[in-house]
Amino acid sequence: MLDPVTLAVLKGRLEQIADEMDATLYRSAFNPIIAEAHDACHGMYDAATGATLIQGKSGLPVFVGAMAFAVKAAARVAAERGGMVDGDVWLFNDPYEGGTHANDFKLVRPVFRAGQLFCYLASAAHWHDVGGAVPGNYNPAATECWQEAVQIPPVRIVRAGVLDLDVLAILKANTRLPDSLWGDLNGQLAALELGAGRLDGLLDEYGDATVLESLETLRARARRLMRDHITALPDGEYAFEDMLDNDGVRDTPLRIALNLKIEGERLTLDFNGTSPACAGPVNISRATAIAACYVALKHLFPDVPANAGVLDAVDVVLPDGLVISADRPRPVGGYTETILRMIDVIFCAMARAAPKRAMAQAYGTINALSIAGYRSDAARKGQRWVMFSFFGGGHGGHSDGDGLSHGNAPISTATIPPLEILEAAYPVRFTQWALRPDSAGAGTHRGGLGAVYEIELLEDSAEAFIFGERGRSAPKGIAGGGEAALNVFRYQQDGQWHSPPMSSKMLGIQLQRGDRVRLETPGGGGYGDPAGRAPAALEHDRKMGYVGDNKKEQVA
């Protein structure tokens, strides 16, 4: 049995390997969504089951959860083609096998020791553009997966240490930005190479058996801690449901329903009652839905080690055919919006069992925005450009204080790309980037504030699209806290401002030089009765401009 000191050292060393893989990719990727926003992750996965063993602390947790399914998919296909080979790297973006959406390319590398498979290292990252009908690939009007992006099944991108140029040629032919793709792919390959070297060094130092024992012990500890936390909660059933605005194709709200059941040391998340799979791209695969549950539980129980043991005491009930258990060819490009709503309902259902452990709902949308066109200046005339980015909002209030203002979505530890980077890379100018007054839910502890972003086009013309949510159903408070403001998107044409017919989603917005688009993002929901807010906190909010004079009762 490992002594506590050795276990702590090995845990830190293993996590450091994943962290170094993250850093390697962030510093070498060409795409700002990876390099600046850190929309990527790395982890270590079990040789027999593909289960999560170790994850980095700076990557996207939802990727880590979904990658367990990706590793299983790669291993299954490899077994059909002669098995995993030392020096191979498998690549694919199939969202139905590996979760999330087609922009997120997964790379899986087996690690061998003395001819035996020890574990898998895996990398996931959001590539800038991978074909499809819309630059950047968040196509709000897609009705099948082929309208979203090129579909790549598990294939060897590296064979016995040699890059497969045929596969590379196919990838580069199916993007508007081949240089970006090439840089991002190389960054992921470099991260996996570094990870394999670091892991070999650790295994040489401590021995394979000792490291394997530490991984098994960490999973057992996660399982035990989760069971202890669940046992401490009051037994019962706690239901909550929330809505998506629409699917981008049909203007009909979609329900995400949860019945959370606590019984002894078991927790059940039952999503019966959720809307059926829909025509538009807010469907998600089963793998993505389970990964969302993993992320929500890690928020609620942050001291539990981040590995597959988190789910060992949890039963997830996902009937077939739901918007959260969709199969090919249902479009899944807007998966972010749906998993955010899953996290919202888990938080709110848990708040009915243990309000001090839960948080109010965060702003609930990444507001995926793309502006794309062709350069008109003499030096770069005709060159394609695609600005794709996501944007922040407020997080929910909680028992320990106010929510975070202008944060990123709780599915990730990514950052919002800095406006200086976006302005340097693309022909746009941010005319406003500010906190949004009166945007958060009132409460004893208010929600965090959302933000206002206004972007002016500096090229002759461009086309934009928006894929967001929370335009019709505001983020909710808990324990008596109030709702936050709704999401607002507007765009300018011929000097006039317009709003999308479906509120939060629109394709084919034609812009001319000087036209602007404007996002006003929600804040977070409030925690506790607003009447309980300290007078000093109310006065501070007014002085800072967080609330307007006409809305003092809605502490924002």
Protein backbone atom coordinates (compact mmCIF):
# COMPACT_ATOMS: atom_id res chain seq x y z
CA MET A 1 0.00 0.00 0.00
CA LEU A 2 1.33 3.44 -0.94
CA ASP A 3 2.23 5.82 1.85
CA PRO A 4 0.42 9.21 1.74
CA VAL A 5 3.53 11.20 0.83
CA THR A 6 4.39 9.03 -2.17
CA LEU A 7 0.77 9.13 -3.32
CA ALA A 8 0.68 12.94 -3.09
CA VAL A 9 3.96 13.24 -4.98
CA LEU A 10 2.78 10.92 -7.77
CA LYS A 11 -0.57 12.70 -8.03
CA GLY A 12 1.23 16.00 -8.46
CA ARG A 13 3.71 14.60 -10.96
CA LEU A 14 0.99 12.97 -13.07
CA GLU A 15 -1.11 16.13 -13.10
CA GLN A 16 1.98 18.11 -14.03
CA ILE A 17 2.41 15.93 -17.13
CA ALA A 18 -1.13 16.80 -18.26
CA ASP A 19 -0.53 20.48 -17.41
CA GLU A 20 2.67 20.53 -19.49
CA MET A 21 0.80 18.99 -22.40
CA ASP A 22 -1.79 21.76 -22.11
CA ALA A 23 0.90 24.43 -22.04
CA THR A 24 2.73 22.95 -25.02
CA LEU A 25 -0.39 23.17 -27.17
CA TYR A 26 -1.39 26.64 -25.98
CA ARG A 27 2.04 28.02 -26.87
CA SER A 28 2.26 26.40 -30.30
CA ALA A 29 -1.28 26.49 -31.72
CA PHE A 30 -2.04 28.90 -34.57
CA ASN A 31 -5.72 29.28 -33.71
CA PRO A 32 -6.58 31.97 -31.06
CA ILE A 33 -9.40 29.78 -29.73
CA ILE A 34 -6.70 27.36 -28.56
CA ALA A 35 -3.71 29.66 -28.08
CA GLU A 36 -5.56 32.44 -26.22
CA ALA A 37 -8.88 30.97 -25.07
CA HIS A 38 -7.42 27.53 -24.15
CA ASP A 39 -10.26 25.58 -25.75
CA ALA A 40 -8.44 22.27 -25.42
CA CYS A 41 -7.44 19.62 -22.88
CA HIS A 42 -5.13 16.69 -22.22
CA GLY A 43 -5.43 13.65 -20.01
CA MET A 44 -4.37 10.10 -19.24
CA TYR A 45 -6.76 7.19 -19.75
CA ASP A 46 -6.98 3.56 -18.62
CA ALA A 47 -5.45 0.94 -20.94
CA ALA A 48 -8.30 -1.55 -20.46
CA THR A 49 -11.41 0.63 -20.16
CA GLY A 50 -10.48 4.10 -21.45
CA ALA A 51 -11.66 5.59 -18.15
CA THR A 52 -10.24 8.94 -17.06
CA LEU A 53 -7.17 8.60 -14.84
CA ILE A 54 -5.64 12.09 -14.78
CA GLN A 55 -6.65 15.44 -16.26
CA GLY A 56 -4.83 18.75 -16.59
CA LYS A 57 -5.93 21.68 -14.45
CA SER A 58 -6.07 24.24 -17.28
CA GLY A 59 -7.97 22.29 -19.95
CA LEU A 60 -11.71 22.04 -20.51
CA PRO A 61 -13.25 19.57 -18.02
CA VAL A 62 -16.05 18.67 -20.42
CA PHE A 63 -13.45 17.50 -22.94
CA VAL A 64 -11.80 15.32 -20.31
CA GLY A 65 -15.08 13.59 -19.51
CA ALA A 66 -15.96 13.06 -23.16
CA MET A 67 -12.46 11.86 -24.05
CA ALA A 68 -13.03 8.62 -22.15
CA PHE A 69 -15.53 7.76 -24.88
CA ALA A 70 -13.11 8.92 -27.57
CA VAL A 71 -10.36 6.65 -26.27
CA LYS A 72 -12.75 3.68 -26.27
CA ALA A 73 -13.74 4.45 -29.85
CA ALA A 74 -10.14 4.67 -31.05
CA ALA A 75 -9.23 1.45 -29.25
CA ARG A 76 -12.19 -0.39 -30.78
CA VAL A 77 -11.33 0.70 -34.32
CA ALA A 78 -7.64 -0.10 -33.76
CA ALA A 79 -8.58 -3.60 -32.61
CA GLU A 80 -10.43 -4.13 -35.90
CA ARG A 81 -7.28 -3.10 -37.81
CA GLY A 82 -4.58 -5.08 -36.10
CA GLY A 83 -4.47 -3.42 -32.69
CA MET A 84 -2.70 -0.43 -31.19
CA VAL A 85 0.92 -0.05 -32.28
CA ASP A 86 3.67 1.81 -30.46
CA GLY A 87 4.27 5.14 -32.21
CA ASP A 88 0.77 5.42 -33.68
CA VAL A 89 -1.53 8.39 -33.10
CA TRP A 90 -5.24 8.11 -33.90
CA LEU A 91 -7.26 11.18 -34.93
CA PHE A 92 -10.99 11.85 -35.35
CA ASN A 93 -13.76 14.37 -34.72
CA ASP A 94 -16.82 12.10 -34.61
CA PRO A 95 -19.07 13.73 -31.96
CA TYR A 96 -21.26 10.65 -31.58
CA GLU A 97 -18.31 8.50 -30.52
CA GLY A 98 -16.06 10.95 -28.71
CA GLY A 99 -18.52 13.63 -27.67
CA THR A 100 -18.88 17.42 -28.15
CA HIS A 101 -18.92 18.61 -31.80
CA ALA A 102 -16.98 18.28 -35.04
CA ASN A 103 -14.66 21.24 -34.42
CA ASP A 104 -13.13 19.34 -31.51
CA PHE A 105 -10.47 17.01 -32.88
CA LYS A 106 -9.37 14.18 -30.62
CA LEU A 107 -5.91 12.62 -30.84
CA VAL A 108 -5.21 9.37 -28.98
CA ARG A 109 -1.71 7.97 -28.46
CA PRO A 110 -1.01 4.59 -26.83
CA VAL A 111 1.88 4.42 -24.36
CA PHE A 112 3.74 1.10 -24.29
CA ARG A 113 6.13 -0.23 -21.68
CA ALA A 114 8.20 -3.33 -22.45
CA GLY A 115 5.84 -4.12 -25.31
CA GLN A 116 2.70 -3.86 -23.15
CA LEU A 117 0.07 -1.13 -23.35
CA PHE A 118 0.36 0.96 -20.17
CA CYS A 119 -2.23 3.70 -20.82
CA TYR A 120 -3.46 6.20 -23.40
CA LEU A 121 -2.60 9.86 -23.64
CA ALA A 122 -5.22 11.98 -25.37
CA SER A 123 -5.56 15.52 -26.66
CA ALA A 124 -8.72 17.41 -27.65
CA ALA A 125 -8.75 20.87 -29.22
CA HIS A 126 -11.16 23.14 -31.06
CA TRP A 127 -9.94 23.62 -34.64
CA HIS A 128 -10.85 26.94 -36.22
CA ASP A 129 -12.69 25.72 -39.31
CA VAL A 130 -13.32 22.21 -40.64
CA GLY A 131 -15.53 22.71 -43.67
CA GLY A 132 -19.31 22.65 -43.55
CA ALA A 133 -21.74 25.33 -44.70
CA VAL A 134 -20.65 28.11 -42.32
CA PRO A 135 -17.17 29.50 -41.58
CA GLY A 136 -16.30 28.46 -38.04
CA ASN A 137 -18.92 25.66 -38.19
CA TYR A 138 -21.51 26.83 -35.64
CA ASN A 139 -24.28 26.55 -38.25
CA PRO A 140 -27.56 27.49 -36.51
CA ALA A 141 -29.60 26.26 -39.48
CA ALA A 142 -28.01 22.79 -39.80
CA THR A 143 -30.41 19.86 -39.92
CA GLU A 144 -27.81 17.10 -40.34
CA CYS A 145 -24.20 16.66 -39.26
CA TRP A 146 -22.74 16.95 -42.79
CA GLN A 147 -23.98 20.56 -42.98
CA GLU A 148 -21.86 21.38 -39.92
CA ALA A 149 -18.36 20.11 -40.75
CA VAL A 150 -16.34 17.37 -42.40
CA GLN A 151 -16.79 14.06 -40.56
CA ILE A 152 -13.56 12.17 -39.80
CA PRO A 153 -13.81 8.68 -38.24
CA PRO A 154 -10.91 7.27 -36.19
CA VAL A 155 -7.87 7.07 -38.51
CA ARG A 156 -4.10 6.92 -37.99
CA ILE A 157 -2.59 10.36 -38.49
CA VAL A 158 0.79 8.96 -37.37
CA ARG A 159 1.89 5.40 -38.24
CA ALA A 160 4.81 4.04 -36.23
CA GLY A 161 6.09 7.57 -35.74
CA VAL A 162 5.60 8.77 -39.34
CA LEU A 163 2.98 11.41 -40.24
CA ASP A 164 0.45 10.10 -42.77
CA LEU A 165 0.50 12.72 -45.53
CA ASP A 166 -2.59 11.23 -47.24
CA VAL A 167 -4.76 11.84 -44.16
CA LEU A 168 -3.21 15.29 -43.77
CA ALA A 169 -4.08 16.15 -47.38
CA ILE A 170 -7.73 15.23 -46.78
CA LEU A 171 -7.86 17.38 -43.65
CA LYS A 172 -6.28 20.42 -45.34
CA ALA A 173 -8.64 20.11 -48.31
CA ASN A 174 -11.65 20.38 -45.99
CA THR A 175 -10.93 23.68 -44.27
CA ARG A 176 -11.05 27.35 -45.19
CA LEU A 177 -7.90 27.87 -43.08
CA PRO A 178 -5.35 25.13 -43.87
CA ASP A 179 -2.44 26.94 -42.21
CA SER A 180 -4.38 27.17 -38.95
CA LEU A 181 -5.26 23.48 -39.14
CA TRP A 182 -1.64 22.51 -39.78
CA GLY A 183 -0.40 24.55 -36.83
CA ASP A 184 -3.02 23.20 -34.43
CA LEU A 185 -2.41 19.59 -35.47
CA ASN A 186 1.34 19.99 -34.95
CA GLY A 187 0.69 21.52 -31.54
CA GLN A 188 -1.38 18.53 -30.45
CA LEU A 189 1.17 16.05 -31.78
CA ALA A 190 3.94 17.90 -29.94
CA ALA A 191 1.91 17.85 -26.71
CA LEU A 192 1.42 14.09 -26.94
CA GLU A 193 5.13 13.57 -27.70
CA LEU A 194 6.09 15.60 -24.64
CA GLY A 195 3.57 13.75 -22.48
CA ALA A 196 4.87 10.35 -23.54
CA GLY A 197 8.44 11.39 -22.73
CA ARG A 198 7.51 12.82 -19.34
CA LEU A 199 5.51 9.71 -18.44
CA ASP A 200 8.35 7.39 -19.44
CA GLY A 201 10.67 9.35 -17.16
CA LEU A 202 8.25 9.09 -14.24
CA LEU A 203 7.77 5.35 -14.77
CA ASP A 204 11.51 4.79 -14.95
CA GLU A 205 11.92 6.64 -11.66
CA TYR A 206 9.11 5.05 -9.63
CA GLY A 207 8.31 1.83 -11.49
CA ASP A 208 5.25 0.90 -13.51
CA ALA A 209 3.59 -1.03 -10.68
CA THR A 210 3.88 1.84 -8.20
CA VAL A 211 2.40 4.38 -10.61
CA LEU A 212 -0.45 2.02 -11.50
CA GLU A 213 -1.18 1.54 -7.81
CA SER A 214 -1.32 5.30 -7.32
CA LEU A 215 -3.84 5.66 -10.16
CA GLU A 216 -6.04 2.91 -8.72
CA THR A 217 -5.85 4.51 -5.28
CA LEU A 218 -6.82 7.94 -6.60
CA ARG A 219 -9.90 6.50 -8.32
CA ALA A 220 -10.87 4.65 -5.14
CA ARG A 221 -10.53 7.86 -3.15
CA ALA A 222 -12.74 9.75 -5.59
CA ARG A 223 -15.35 7.01 -5.34
CA ARG A 224 -15.25 7.01 -1.54
CA LEU A 225 -15.43 10.81 -1.26
CA MET A 226 -18.41 10.96 -3.63
CA ARG A 227 -20.23 8.31 -1.61
CA ASP A 228 -19.52 10.19 1.62
CA HIS A 229 -20.81 13.46 0.13
CA ILE A 230 -23.97 11.79 -1.21
CA THR A 231 -24.63 10.05 2.10
CA ALA A 232 -24.49 13.44 3.86
CA LEU A 233 -27.31 14.79 1.64
CA PRO A 234 -30.97 14.33 2.62
CA ASP A 235 -32.57 11.35 0.90
CA GLY A 236 -35.34 12.27 -1.51
CA GLU A 237 -36.23 13.27 -5.05
CA TYR A 238 -35.63 16.81 -6.26
CA ALA A 239 -36.90 17.86 -9.68
CA PHE A 240 -36.10 20.83 -11.86
CA GLU A 241 -36.53 21.74 -15.49
CA ASP A 242 -35.39 24.58 -17.73
CA MET A 243 -35.74 25.56 -21.38
CA LEU A 244 -33.66 26.18 -24.46
CA ASP A 245 -34.96 29.07 -26.61
CA ASN A 246 -35.24 26.96 -29.78
CA ASP A 247 -33.10 24.74 -31.99
CA GLY A 248 -32.33 27.36 -34.65
CA VAL A 249 -34.60 25.66 -37.20
CA ARG A 250 -37.98 25.53 -35.45
CA ASP A 251 -38.92 28.35 -33.11
CA THR A 252 -40.14 26.07 -30.34
CA PRO A 253 -38.67 25.86 -26.81
CA LEU A 254 -36.99 22.62 -25.75
CA ARG A 255 -37.18 21.20 -22.22
CA ILE A 256 -34.25 19.85 -20.21
CA ALA A 257 -35.83 18.01 -17.27
CA LEU A 258 -34.11 16.34 -14.32
CA ASN A 259 -35.25 14.26 -11.39
CA LEU A 260 -32.35 14.07 -8.95
CA LYS A 261 -32.71 11.16 -6.52
CA ILE A 262 -30.59 10.67 -3.39
CA GLU A 263 -30.79 7.28 -1.76
CA GLY A 264 -28.10 6.40 0.77
CA GLU A 265 -24.73 6.56 -0.99
CA ARG A 266 -26.20 6.51 -4.51
CA LEU A 267 -27.15 9.52 -6.63
CA THR A 268 -29.39 9.17 -9.68
CA LEU A 269 -29.68 11.81 -12.40
CA ASP A 270 -32.81 10.91 -14.36
CA PHE A 271 -33.47 12.98 -17.48
CA ASN A 272 -36.81 11.46 -18.42
CA GLY A 273 -39.15 14.25 -19.48
CA THR A 274 -36.51 15.99 -21.59
CA SER A 275 -37.58 16.98 -25.12
CA PRO A 276 -37.01 14.55 -27.99
CA ALA A 277 -34.11 15.02 -30.39
CA CYS A 278 -34.73 18.07 -32.54
CA ALA A 279 -34.21 19.25 -36.12
CA GLY A 280 -31.56 21.86 -35.33
CA PRO A 281 -28.04 21.71 -33.87
CA VAL A 282 -28.67 21.83 -30.13
CA ASN A 283 -28.73 18.05 -29.89
CA ILE A 284 -25.91 16.35 -28.00
CA SER A 285 -24.66 12.77 -27.95
CA ARG A 286 -24.90 10.47 -24.95
CA ALA A 287 -21.13 10.80 -24.39
CA THR A 288 -21.42 14.58 -24.20
CA ALA A 289 -24.36 14.40 -21.79
CA ILE A 290 -22.48 12.13 -19.37
CA ALA A 291 -19.46 14.44 -19.58
CA ALA A 292 -21.73 17.37 -18.65
CA CYS A 293 -22.92 15.48 -15.56
CA TYR A 294 -19.26 14.88 -14.61
CA VAL A 295 -18.50 18.61 -14.86
CA ALA A 296 -21.56 19.61 -12.81
CA LEU A 297 -20.71 17.16 -10.05
CA LYS A 298 -17.11 18.41 -9.90
CA HIS A 299 -18.48 21.94 -9.36
CA LEU A 300 -20.71 20.69 -6.55
CA PHE A 301 -18.03 18.51 -4.94
CA PRO A 302 -14.74 20.26 -5.76
CA ASP A 303 -12.58 18.28 -3.31
CA VAL A 304 -13.17 14.99 -5.14
CA PRO A 305 -10.17 13.94 -7.27
CA ALA A 306 -10.82 14.50 -10.98
CA ASN A 307 -11.06 10.99 -12.40
CA ALA A 308 -13.61 8.35 -13.34
CA GLY A 309 -14.34 7.66 -9.67
CA VAL A 310 -16.54 10.76 -9.63
CA LEU A 311 -19.22 8.81 -11.53
CA ASP A 312 -18.80 5.44 -9.78
CA ALA A 313 -21.50 6.34 -7.23
CA VAL A 314 -23.80 7.99 -9.79
CA ASP A 315 -26.44 6.53 -12.10
CA VAL A 316 -27.27 8.61 -15.17
CA VAL A 317 -30.62 7.75 -16.78
CA LEU A 318 -30.68 8.88 -20.42
CA PRO A 319 -33.46 7.30 -22.49
CA ASP A 320 -32.77 6.98 -26.22
CA GLY A 321 -33.99 9.60 -28.66
CA LEU A 322 -33.73 12.70 -26.49
CA VAL A 323 -32.14 16.01 -27.38
CA ILE A 324 -29.42 14.93 -24.92
CA SER A 325 -28.96 11.40 -26.31
CA ALA A 326 -29.05 12.01 -30.06
CA ASP A 327 -27.52 9.79 -32.73
CA ARG A 328 -26.09 10.47 -36.16
CA PRO A 329 -27.08 12.36 -38.30
CA ARG A 330 -28.75 14.74 -35.84
CA PRO A 331 -26.74 18.01 -35.85
CA VAL A 332 -24.79 18.70 -32.65
CA GLY A 333 -22.74 21.82 -33.46
CA GLY A 334 -24.32 23.91 -30.69
CA TYR A 335 -23.61 21.35 -27.98
CA THR A 336 -22.29 24.02 -25.62
CA GLU A 337 -25.72 25.57 -25.12
CA THR A 338 -27.35 22.27 -24.20
CA ILE A 339 -24.71 21.06 -21.76
CA LEU A 340 -24.86 24.44 -20.04
CA ARG A 341 -28.58 23.91 -19.54
CA MET A 342 -27.91 20.41 -18.18
CA ILE A 343 -25.49 21.90 -15.65
CA ASP A 344 -28.10 24.54 -14.78
CA VAL A 345 -30.77 21.97 -13.93
CA ILE A 346 -28.33 19.87 -11.89
CA PHE A 347 -27.34 22.95 -9.87
CA CYS A 348 -30.97 23.95 -9.26
CA ALA A 349 -32.14 20.45 -8.37
CA MET A 350 -29.24 20.10 -5.94
CA ALA A 351 -30.16 23.50 -4.45
CA ARG A 352 -33.48 21.99 -3.35
CA ALA A 353 -31.60 19.29 -1.45
CA ALA A 354 -28.62 21.31 -0.19
CA PRO A 355 -28.76 25.01 -1.12
CA LYS A 356 -25.47 25.83 0.62
CA ARG A 357 -23.61 23.45 -1.70
CA ALA A 358 -25.15 24.69 -4.95
CA MET A 359 -24.67 27.81 -7.06
CA ALA A 360 -27.36 29.80 -8.84
CA GLN A 361 -27.39 29.50 -12.61
CA ALA A 362 -24.63 31.16 -14.60
CA TYR A 363 -25.31 33.13 -17.78
CA GLY A 364 -25.88 29.94 -19.75
CA THR A 365 -24.59 30.62 -23.28
CA ILE A 366 -21.21 30.99 -24.98
CA ASN A 367 -22.72 33.28 -27.67
CA ALA A 368 -20.67 31.74 -30.49
CA LEU A 369 -20.15 34.55 -32.98
CA SER A 370 -18.44 34.36 -36.36
CA ILE A 371 -17.65 37.21 -38.75
CA ALA A 372 -15.96 36.14 -41.98
CA GLY A 373 -15.02 37.54 -45.36
CA TYR A 374 -12.17 38.29 -47.77
CA ARG A 375 -9.39 40.86 -47.46
CA SER A 376 -9.60 43.84 -49.80
CA ASP A 377 -6.21 45.53 -49.22
CA ALA A 378 -3.61 45.21 -51.96
CA ALA A 379 -1.16 43.12 -49.93
CA ARG A 380 -3.71 40.46 -48.99
CA LYS A 381 -6.49 40.90 -51.56
CA GLY A 382 -8.78 37.88 -51.69
CA GLN A 383 -7.31 36.24 -48.58
CA ARG A 384 -9.92 34.44 -46.47
CA TRP A 385 -10.43 35.50 -42.86
CA VAL A 386 -12.70 33.97 -40.22
CA MET A 387 -13.12 35.52 -36.79
CA PHE A 388 -14.75 33.02 -34.46
CA SER A 389 -15.03 33.69 -30.76
CA PHE A 390 -17.13 33.11 -27.69
CA PHE A 391 -18.04 35.60 -24.99
CA GLY A 392 -18.54 35.81 -21.24
CA GLY A 393 -21.22 36.61 -18.71
CA GLY A 394 -22.03 36.45 -15.01
CA HIS A 395 -21.89 33.43 -12.73
CA GLY A 396 -24.47 32.61 -10.09
CA GLY A 397 -24.49 33.80 -6.51
CA HIS A 398 -23.78 31.20 -3.81
CA SER A 399 -23.82 30.81 -0.05
CA ASP A 400 -20.32 32.29 0.32
CA GLY A 401 -20.78 35.42 -1.79
CA ASP A 402 -21.66 37.12 -5.04
CA GLY A 403 -21.18 35.48 -8.40
CA LEU A 404 -18.21 36.16 -10.64
CA SER A 405 -18.71 38.99 -13.14
CA HIS A 406 -17.71 38.53 -16.78
CA GLY A 407 -16.53 34.95 -16.40
CA ASN A 408 -16.40 32.10 -18.85
CA ALA A 409 -18.93 29.29 -19.00
CA PRO A 410 -18.82 26.68 -16.18
CA ILE A 411 -18.13 23.90 -18.68
CA SER A 412 -14.52 24.99 -18.87
CA THR A 413 -11.50 26.80 -17.51
CA ALA A 414 -11.02 28.52 -20.86
CA THR A 415 -10.54 32.26 -21.09
CA ILE A 416 -12.34 34.83 -23.24
CA PRO A 417 -10.02 35.81 -26.11
CA PRO A 418 -8.58 39.30 -25.45
CA LEU A 419 -9.89 42.04 -27.69
CA GLU A 420 -6.31 43.08 -28.52
CA ILE A 421 -5.66 39.65 -30.04
CA LEU A 422 -8.92 39.66 -32.00
CA GLU A 423 -8.35 43.20 -33.31
CA ALA A 424 -4.77 42.33 -34.31
CA ALA A 425 -5.81 39.17 -36.15
CA TYR A 426 -9.00 40.33 -37.88
CA PRO A 427 -10.40 43.50 -39.54
CA VAL A 428 -12.66 44.45 -36.65
CA ARG A 429 -12.71 47.05 -33.88
CA PHE A 430 -14.34 46.68 -30.48
CA THR A 431 -16.21 49.90 -29.82
CA GLN A 432 -17.42 48.62 -26.45
CA TRP A 433 -16.25 45.92 -24.01
CA ALA A 434 -17.77 46.58 -20.61
CA LEU A 435 -19.74 45.19 -17.69
CA ARG A 436 -23.50 45.29 -18.24
CA PRO A 437 -25.41 47.14 -15.50
CA ASP A 438 -28.65 45.62 -14.19
CA SER A 439 -27.81 42.25 -15.73
CA ALA A 440 -27.57 39.93 -12.72
CA GLY A 441 -30.09 38.39 -10.38
CA ALA A 442 -30.89 40.00 -7.03
CA GLY A 443 -30.20 38.13 -3.83
CA THR A 444 -28.61 38.12 -0.45
CA HIS A 445 -25.62 37.35 -2.65
CA ARG A 446 -26.26 38.75 -6.12
CA GLY A 447 -25.21 37.13 -9.36
CA GLY A 448 -22.19 38.32 -11.28
CA LEU A 449 -22.62 40.86 -14.07
CA GLY A 450 -22.81 40.08 -17.74
CA ALA A 451 -21.02 42.11 -20.38
CA VAL A 452 -21.60 44.35 -23.39
CA TYR A 453 -19.55 43.77 -26.54
CA GLU A 454 -19.93 45.91 -29.65
CA ILE A 455 -17.86 45.09 -32.74
CA GLU A 456 -17.40 47.26 -35.85
CA LEU A 457 -16.44 45.80 -39.24
CA LEU A 458 -13.36 47.42 -40.81
CA GLU A 459 -13.48 45.54 -44.13
CA ASP A 460 -15.65 46.29 -47.17
CA SER A 461 -18.07 43.46 -46.41
CA ALA A 462 -18.49 40.33 -44.32
CA GLU A 463 -21.04 37.75 -43.24
CA ALA A 464 -21.84 37.02 -39.60
CA PHE A 465 -23.74 34.43 -37.64
CA ILE A 466 -24.69 34.09 -33.99
CA PHE A 467 -25.41 30.91 -32.03
CA GLY A 468 -26.54 31.70 -28.51
CA GLU A 469 -29.18 31.00 -25.89
CA ARG A 470 -30.95 32.63 -22.94
CA GLY A 471 -32.75 35.08 -25.21
CA ARG A 472 -36.14 34.00 -23.85
CA SER A 473 -35.49 32.08 -20.63
CA ALA A 474 -33.35 33.95 -18.11
CA PRO A 475 -30.77 32.39 -15.74
CA LYS A 476 -32.51 31.40 -12.50
CA GLY A 477 -31.68 32.19 -8.90
CA ILE A 478 -31.81 29.72 -6.02
CA ALA A 479 -32.90 29.85 -2.37
CA GLY A 480 -35.13 32.85 -3.13
CA GLY A 481 -32.69 34.67 -5.41
CA GLY A 482 -33.86 36.49 -8.52
CA GLU A 483 -33.42 35.90 -12.23
CA ALA A 484 -30.72 37.56 -14.30
CA ALA A 485 -31.30 39.59 -17.47
CA LEU A 486 -31.99 37.96 -20.82
CA ASN A 487 -29.35 37.64 -23.52
CA VAL A 488 -29.62 40.31 -26.25
CA PHE A 489 -28.00 40.23 -29.71
CA ARG A 490 -28.46 42.98 -32.30
CA TYR A 491 -26.86 43.82 -35.61
CA GLN A 492 -26.65 46.98 -37.71
CA GLN A 493 -27.55 47.36 -41.39
CA ASP A 494 -27.98 50.67 -43.25
CA GLY A 495 -27.75 52.54 -39.98
CA GLN A 496 -30.65 50.60 -38.42
CA TRP A 497 -30.45 48.06 -35.58
CA HIS A 498 -32.16 44.67 -35.95
CA SER A 499 -32.79 41.61 -33.78
CA PRO A 500 -32.81 37.94 -34.92
CA PRO A 501 -36.31 36.48 -35.45
CA MET A 502 -35.33 33.54 -33.22
CA SER A 503 -33.82 35.84 -30.58
CA SER A 504 -30.50 34.08 -30.05
CA LYS A 505 -29.61 32.39 -33.36
CA MET A 506 -29.21 33.69 -36.91
CA LEU A 507 -27.32 32.85 -40.07
CA GLY A 508 -26.30 34.99 -43.05
CA ILE A 509 -26.10 38.47 -41.50
CA GLN A 510 -24.67 40.69 -44.23
CA LEU A 511 -22.42 43.48 -42.97
CA GLN A 512 -20.79 46.42 -44.72
CA ARG A 513 -17.85 48.54 -43.58
CA GLY A 514 -18.80 50.43 -40.43
CA ASP A 515 -21.70 48.13 -39.50
CA ARG A 516 -21.68 46.78 -35.96
CA VAL A 517 -22.91 43.77 -34.03
CA ARG A 518 -23.73 44.03 -30.33
CA LEU A 519 -23.98 41.41 -27.59
CA GLU A 520 -25.46 42.11 -24.16
CA THR A 521 -24.87 38.95 -22.15
CA PRO A 522 -26.79 37.79 -19.07
CA GLY A 523 -25.49 37.92 -15.55
CA GLY A 524 -25.88 35.09 -13.07
CA GLY A 525 -28.86 34.28 -10.90
CA GLY A 526 -29.05 35.48 -7.31
CA TYR A 527 -28.70 33.47 -4.10
CA GLY A 528 -31.05 34.03 -1.17
CA ASP A 529 -33.74 36.61 -0.44
CA PRO A 530 -32.75 40.02 -1.87
CA ALA A 531 -34.09 41.64 1.31
CA GLY A 532 -31.20 40.03 3.16
CA ARG A 533 -28.50 41.85 1.21
CA ALA A 534 -26.30 44.01 3.40
CA PRO A 535 -26.93 47.78 3.03
CA ALA A 536 -23.20 48.36 2.51
CA ALA A 537 -23.24 45.92 -0.41
CA LEU A 538 -26.26 47.67 -1.93
CA GLU A 539 -24.54 51.03 -1.69
CA HIS A 540 -21.35 49.63 -3.21
CA ASP A 541 -23.32 48.25 -6.16
CA ARG A 542 -24.89 51.66 -6.78
CA LYS A 543 -21.60 53.54 -6.51
CA MET A 544 -19.88 51.15 -8.90
CA GLY A 545 -22.69 51.49 -11.45
CA TYR A 546 -23.66 47.84 -11.24
CA VAL A 547 -27.29 48.95 -10.95
CA GLY A 548 -29.01 51.85 -12.64
CA ASP A 549 -30.97 54.39 -10.60
CA ASN A 550 -34.22 53.09 -12.04
CA LYS A 551 -33.50 49.48 -11.07
CA LYS A 552 -32.07 49.73 -7.57
CA GLU A 553 -34.32 46.96 -6.38
CA GLN A 554 -32.78 44.55 -8.91
CA VAL A 555 -29.31 44.37 -7.40
CA ALA A 556 -27.22 43.46 -10.40
